[in-house]
C-alpha atoms as a PDB file:
ATOM      1  CA  MET A   1      -5.629   9.444 -14.317  1.00  0.00           C
ATOM      2  CA  MET A   2      -5.954   9.286 -10.546  1.00  0.00           C
ATOM      3  CA  ASN A   3      -4.152  11.706  -8.243  1.00  0.00           C
ATOM      4  CA  ALA A   4      -1.861  10.382  -5.533  1.00  0.00           C
ATOM      5  CA  ASP A   5      -3.541  10.343  -2.134  1.00  0.00           C
ATOM      6  CA  GLU A   6      -0.469   9.614   0.012  1.00  0.00           C
ATOM      7  CA  GLY A   7       2.198  11.954   1.279  1.00  0.00           C
ATOM      8  CA  THR A   8       5.921  11.436   0.761  1.00  0.00           C
ATOM      9  CA  ILE A   9       6.582  10.088   4.255  1.00  0.00           C
ATOM     10  CA  ASP A  10       3.641   7.681   3.957  1.00  0.00           C
ATOM     11  CA  ARG A  11       4.947   6.398   0.634  1.00  0.00           C
ATOM     12  CA  VAL A  12       8.473   5.842   1.949  1.00  0.00           C
ATOM     13  CA  VAL A  13       7.238   4.058   5.080  1.00  0.00           C
ATOM     14  CA  ARG A  14       4.983   1.804   3.000  1.00  0.00           C
ATOM     15  CA  ALA A  15       7.753   0.953   0.528  1.00  0.00           C
ATOM     16  CA  VAL A  16      10.275   0.124   3.269  1.00  0.00           C
ATOM     17  CA  LEU A  17       7.735  -1.878   5.257  1.00  0.00           C
ATOM     18  CA  GLY A  18       6.737  -3.733   2.090  1.00  0.00           C
ATOM     19  CA  VAL A  19      10.330  -4.722   1.352  1.00  0.00           C
ATOM     20  CA  VAL A  20      10.793  -5.934   4.927  1.00  0.00           C
ATOM     21  CA  LEU A  21       7.575  -7.987   4.736  1.00  0.00           C
ATOM     22  CA  LEU A  22       8.645  -9.499   1.419  1.00  0.00           C
ATOM     23  CA  TYR A  23      12.047 -10.427   2.838  1.00  0.00           C
ATOM     24  CA  VAL A  24      10.580 -12.049   5.941  1.00  0.00           C
ATOM     25  CA  GLY A  25       7.901 -13.832   3.925  1.00  0.00           C
ATOM     26  CA  LEU A  26      10.312 -15.172   1.313  1.00  0.00           C
ATOM     27  CA  PHE A  27      13.511 -15.911   3.199  1.00  0.00           C
ATOM     28  CA  VAL A  28      12.593 -16.319   6.856  1.00  0.00           C
ATOM     29  CA  LEU A  29       9.247 -18.123   6.675  1.00  0.00           C
ATOM     30  CA  GLY A  30       9.611 -19.638   3.213  1.00  0.00           C
ATOM     31  CA  GLY A  31       6.539 -21.357   1.806  1.00  0.00           C
ATOM     32  CA  ALA A  32       4.600 -21.386   5.051  1.00  0.00           C
ATOM     33  CA  THR A  33       1.093 -19.956   5.025  1.00  0.00           C
ATOM     34  CA  LEU A  34       2.169 -16.979   7.107  1.00  0.00           C
ATOM     35  CA  GLY A  35       5.052 -16.367   4.694  1.00  0.00           C
ATOM     36  CA  VAL A  36       2.679 -16.220   1.735  1.00  0.00           C
ATOM     37  CA  ALA A  37       0.371 -13.859   3.631  1.00  0.00           C
ATOM     38  CA  LEU A  38       3.303 -11.569   4.429  1.00  0.00           C
ATOM     39  CA  ASP A  39       4.354 -11.652   0.779  1.00  0.00           C
ATOM     40  CA  VAL A  40       0.902 -10.519  -0.334  1.00  0.00           C
ATOM     41  CA  LEU A  41       0.865  -7.708   2.232  1.00  0.00           C
ATOM     42  CA  GLY A  42       4.405  -6.754   1.252  1.00  0.00           C
ATOM     43  CA  LEU A  43       3.502  -6.550  -2.429  1.00  0.00           C
ATOM     44  CA  LEU A  44       0.482  -4.409  -1.627  1.00  0.00           C
ATOM     45  CA  ALA A  45       2.584  -2.072   0.517  1.00  0.00           C
ATOM     46  CA  VAL A  46       5.290  -1.750  -2.151  1.00  0.00           C
ATOM     47  CA  PHE A  47       2.663  -1.088  -4.830  1.00  0.00           C
ATOM     48  CA  THR A  48       0.883   1.621  -2.842  1.00  0.00           C
ATOM     49  CA  GLY A  49       4.201   3.173  -1.857  1.00  0.00           C
ATOM     50  CA  ALA A  50       5.441   3.229  -5.443  1.00  0.00           C
ATOM     51  CA  THR A  51       2.248   4.581  -7.002  1.00  0.00           C
ATOM     52  CA  GLY A  52       1.009   6.810  -4.172  1.00  0.00           C
ATOM     53  CA  LEU A  53      -2.487   5.374  -4.531  1.00  0.00           C
ATOM     54  CA  CYS A  54      -4.237   3.602  -1.686  1.00  0.00           C
ATOM     55  CA  PRO A  55      -7.620   1.996  -2.453  1.00  0.00           C
ATOM     56  CA  LEU A  56      -8.633   2.206   1.214  1.00  0.00           C
ATOM     57  CA  TYR A  57      -7.997   5.953   1.314  1.00  0.00           C
ATOM     58  CA  ARG A  58      -9.983   6.427  -1.884  1.00  0.00           C
ATOM     59  CA  THR A  59     -13.054   4.532  -0.642  1.00  0.00           C
ATOM     60  CA  SER A  60     -13.052   6.215   2.776  1.00  0.00           C
ATOM     61  CA  CYS A  61     -12.785   9.675   1.229  1.00  0.00           C
ATOM     62  CA  ALA A  62     -15.575   8.965  -1.297  1.00  0.00           C
ATOM     63  CA  THR A  63     -18.150   8.703   1.468  1.00  0.00           C
ATOM     64  CA  GLU A  64     -17.403  12.180   2.834  1.00  0.00           C
END
């Protein structure tokens, strides 16, 4: 099992930002290309906020 690599504040900010991106992507922009892109980013932010695991942090720390 992997250890969380995000702090509490980072996780909360990511989760809130992810929900906002999902809302804007789904209800404000609808099916537009930008809306779909925001939905994908929102899902990624919610996932990393909920799990505490960020693939970008893990790969950048592996090189050190």
